[in-house]
N, C-alpha and C. Protein backbone atom coordinates (compact mmCIF):
# COMPACT_ATOMS: atom_id res chain seq x y z
N MET A 1 -24.43 -0.79 42.71
CA MET A 1 -22.99 -0.41 43.10
C MET A 1 -23.08 1.15 43.49
N LYS A 2 -22.00 1.15 44.60
CA LYS A 2 -21.84 2.46 45.18
C LYS A 2 -21.63 3.68 44.38
N PRO A 3 -21.90 4.36 44.36
CA PRO A 3 -21.50 5.82 43.41
C PRO A 3 -20.03 5.95 43.42
N ILE A 4 -19.12 5.71 44.44
CA ILE A 4 -17.64 5.81 44.72
C ILE A 4 -16.98 4.64 43.71
N ALA A 5 -17.81 3.45 43.55
CA ALA A 5 -17.36 2.66 42.83
C ALA A 5 -17.49 2.61 41.34
N VAL A 6 -18.75 3.34 40.97
CA VAL A 6 -19.02 3.57 39.87
C VAL A 6 -17.89 4.68 38.99
N THR A 7 -17.50 5.50 40.19
CA THR A 7 -16.69 6.67 39.67
C THR A 7 -15.35 5.90 39.65
N ASN A 8 -14.88 5.37 40.32
CA ASN A 8 -13.72 4.88 40.36
C ASN A 8 -13.47 3.82 38.86
N LEU A 9 -14.59 3.16 38.59
CA LEU A 9 -14.70 2.15 37.27
C LEU A 9 -14.39 3.02 36.21
N LEU A 10 -15.30 3.98 36.22
CA LEU A 10 -15.02 5.05 34.81
C LEU A 10 -13.69 5.40 34.87
N LEU A 11 -13.29 6.14 35.87
CA LEU A 11 -11.87 6.66 35.89
C LEU A 11 -10.70 5.67 35.36
N VAL A 12 -10.91 4.36 35.84
CA VAL A 12 -9.78 3.27 35.31
C VAL A 12 -9.92 3.44 33.86
N LEU A 13 -11.54 3.35 33.46
CA LEU A 13 -11.60 3.06 32.00
C LEU A 13 -11.22 4.07 31.15
N LEU A 14 -11.20 5.44 31.53
CA LEU A 14 -10.77 6.75 30.90
C LEU A 14 -9.36 6.62 30.89
N ILE A 15 -8.80 6.36 32.06
CA ILE A 15 -7.35 6.10 31.74
C ILE A 15 -6.67 5.06 30.85
N LEU A 16 -7.31 3.91 31.13
CA LEU A 16 -7.00 2.91 30.04
C LEU A 16 -7.19 3.23 28.42
N CYS A 17 -8.17 3.86 28.30
CA CYS A 17 -8.58 4.31 26.99
C CYS A 17 -7.78 5.53 26.45
N GLY A 18 -7.25 6.41 27.44
CA GLY A 18 -6.58 7.63 26.79
C GLY A 18 -4.89 6.79 26.50
N GLN A 19 -4.68 5.79 27.34
CA GLN A 19 -3.43 5.52 26.81
C GLN A 19 -3.29 4.61 25.79
N SER A 20 -4.23 4.02 25.44
CA SER A 20 -4.58 3.37 24.12
C SER A 20 -4.49 4.17 22.82
N LEU A 21 -4.68 5.58 23.06
CA LEU A 21 -4.89 6.61 21.90
C LEU A 21 -3.57 7.04 21.61
N LEU A 22 -2.39 6.78 22.38
CA LEU A 22 -1.03 6.91 22.20
C LEU A 22 -0.21 6.26 21.11
N ALA A 23 -0.04 6.59 20.16
CA ALA A 23 0.51 5.71 19.11
C ALA A 23 1.84 5.51 19.29
N ALA A 24 2.71 4.58 18.92
CA ALA A 24 4.04 4.33 19.17
C ALA A 24 4.58 4.73 17.73
N PRO A 25 5.50 5.30 17.54
CA PRO A 25 6.21 5.20 16.26
C PRO A 25 6.41 3.95 15.40
N VAL A 26 6.47 3.86 14.35
CA VAL A 26 6.63 2.85 13.36
C VAL A 26 8.17 2.83 13.02
N ALA A 27 8.95 1.43 13.33
CA ALA A 27 10.30 1.58 13.13
C ALA A 27 10.42 1.32 11.69
N TYR A 28 11.49 1.77 11.13
CA TYR A 28 11.91 1.86 9.66
C TYR A 28 13.14 1.66 9.53
N SER A 29 13.70 0.48 9.09
CA SER A 29 15.28 0.35 8.59
C SER A 29 15.35 -0.04 7.20
N GLY A 30 14.94 0.84 6.50
CA GLY A 30 15.24 0.63 4.98
C GLY A 30 15.66 1.35 3.93
N LYS A 31 15.16 1.62 2.98
CA LYS A 31 15.64 2.59 2.13
C LYS A 31 14.41 3.39 1.44
N VAL A 32 14.50 4.67 1.28
CA VAL A 32 13.49 5.30 0.91
C VAL A 32 14.19 6.34 -0.10
N ALA A 33 13.54 6.15 -1.49
CA ALA A 33 14.05 7.13 -2.47
C ALA A 33 12.98 7.84 -2.97
N ILE A 34 13.19 8.95 -3.43
CA ILE A 34 12.25 10.09 -3.74
C ILE A 34 12.70 10.35 -5.18
N ASN A 35 12.30 10.25 -6.54
CA ASN A 35 12.67 10.56 -7.70
C ASN A 35 13.81 9.82 -8.13
N GLY A 36 14.20 8.60 -7.38
CA GLY A 36 15.88 7.94 -7.39
C GLY A 36 16.69 8.42 -6.62
N LEU A 37 16.51 9.39 -5.76
CA LEU A 37 17.61 9.96 -4.76
C LEU A 37 17.21 9.37 -3.41
N ASN A 38 18.07 8.69 -2.63
CA ASN A 38 17.73 8.67 -1.10
C ASN A 38 17.43 9.78 -0.52
N VAL A 39 16.55 9.53 0.57
CA VAL A 39 16.01 10.73 1.41
C VAL A 39 17.05 10.53 2.56
N ASP A 40 17.64 11.60 2.87
CA ASP A 40 18.35 11.72 4.16
C ASP A 40 17.98 13.06 4.75
N GLY A 41 17.28 12.50 6.04
CA GLY A 41 16.78 13.38 6.92
C GLY A 41 15.35 13.32 7.43
N SER A 42 14.53 13.85 7.66
CA SER A 42 13.36 13.95 8.28
C SER A 42 12.28 13.86 7.27
N VAL A 43 11.32 13.16 7.21
CA VAL A 43 10.33 13.28 5.92
C VAL A 43 9.10 12.85 6.84
N GLN A 44 7.80 13.61 6.07
CA GLN A 44 6.58 13.07 6.60
C GLN A 44 5.76 12.07 5.83
N MET A 45 5.50 10.83 6.13
CA MET A 45 5.04 9.71 5.32
C MET A 45 3.56 9.38 5.88
N ARG A 46 2.97 8.87 4.80
CA ARG A 46 1.38 8.48 5.13
C ARG A 46 1.32 7.04 4.72
N PHE A 47 0.95 6.50 5.64
CA PHE A 47 0.83 4.82 5.31
C PHE A 47 -0.83 4.50 5.17
N ALA A 48 -1.16 3.71 4.46
CA ALA A 48 -2.87 3.04 4.05
C ALA A 48 -2.55 1.62 4.05
N LEU A 49 -3.65 0.99 4.32
CA LEU A 49 -3.91 -0.52 4.32
C LEU A 49 -5.12 -0.40 3.38
N ARG A 50 -4.63 -1.35 2.22
CA ARG A 50 -5.27 -1.50 1.02
C ARG A 50 -5.95 -3.06 1.01
N ASP A 51 -7.01 -3.26 0.43
CA ASP A 51 -7.48 -4.43 0.24
C ASP A 51 -7.08 -4.88 -1.25
N ASP A 52 -7.76 -5.99 -1.70
CA ASP A 52 -7.06 -6.70 -2.90
C ASP A 52 -7.64 -5.74 -4.24
N ASN A 53 -8.65 -4.89 -3.96
CA ASN A 53 -9.16 -4.02 -4.95
C ASN A 53 -8.42 -2.51 -4.96
N GLY A 54 -7.59 -2.26 -4.10
CA GLY A 54 -7.21 -0.96 -3.77
C GLY A 54 -7.88 -0.05 -2.99
N THR A 55 -8.83 -0.51 -2.19
CA THR A 55 -9.50 0.26 -1.51
C THR A 55 -8.77 0.37 -0.10
N VAL A 56 -8.74 1.83 0.15
CA VAL A 56 -8.33 1.88 1.44
C VAL A 56 -9.27 1.73 2.42
N ARG A 57 -8.66 0.84 3.62
CA ARG A 57 -9.01 0.75 4.77
C ARG A 57 -9.06 1.50 5.97
C-alpha cells in the first residue's frame, strides 16, 4: 500500500475507535430508594454484571 493510504486507514480506524469509547447514558425509569426513602435528585450509581456465583465480570 502507498504510505498515504496506510495513513488514511489508520486515521479512519482511530476515529471509529474513539467514537466507540463515548458511552451513552443508561436510561432508567423506575424507583430508587435508599433506606426506604425515594431518591429525588442526582445520584451516582455503579453497576456490575455478575455471574451465577456472584463474581463480577
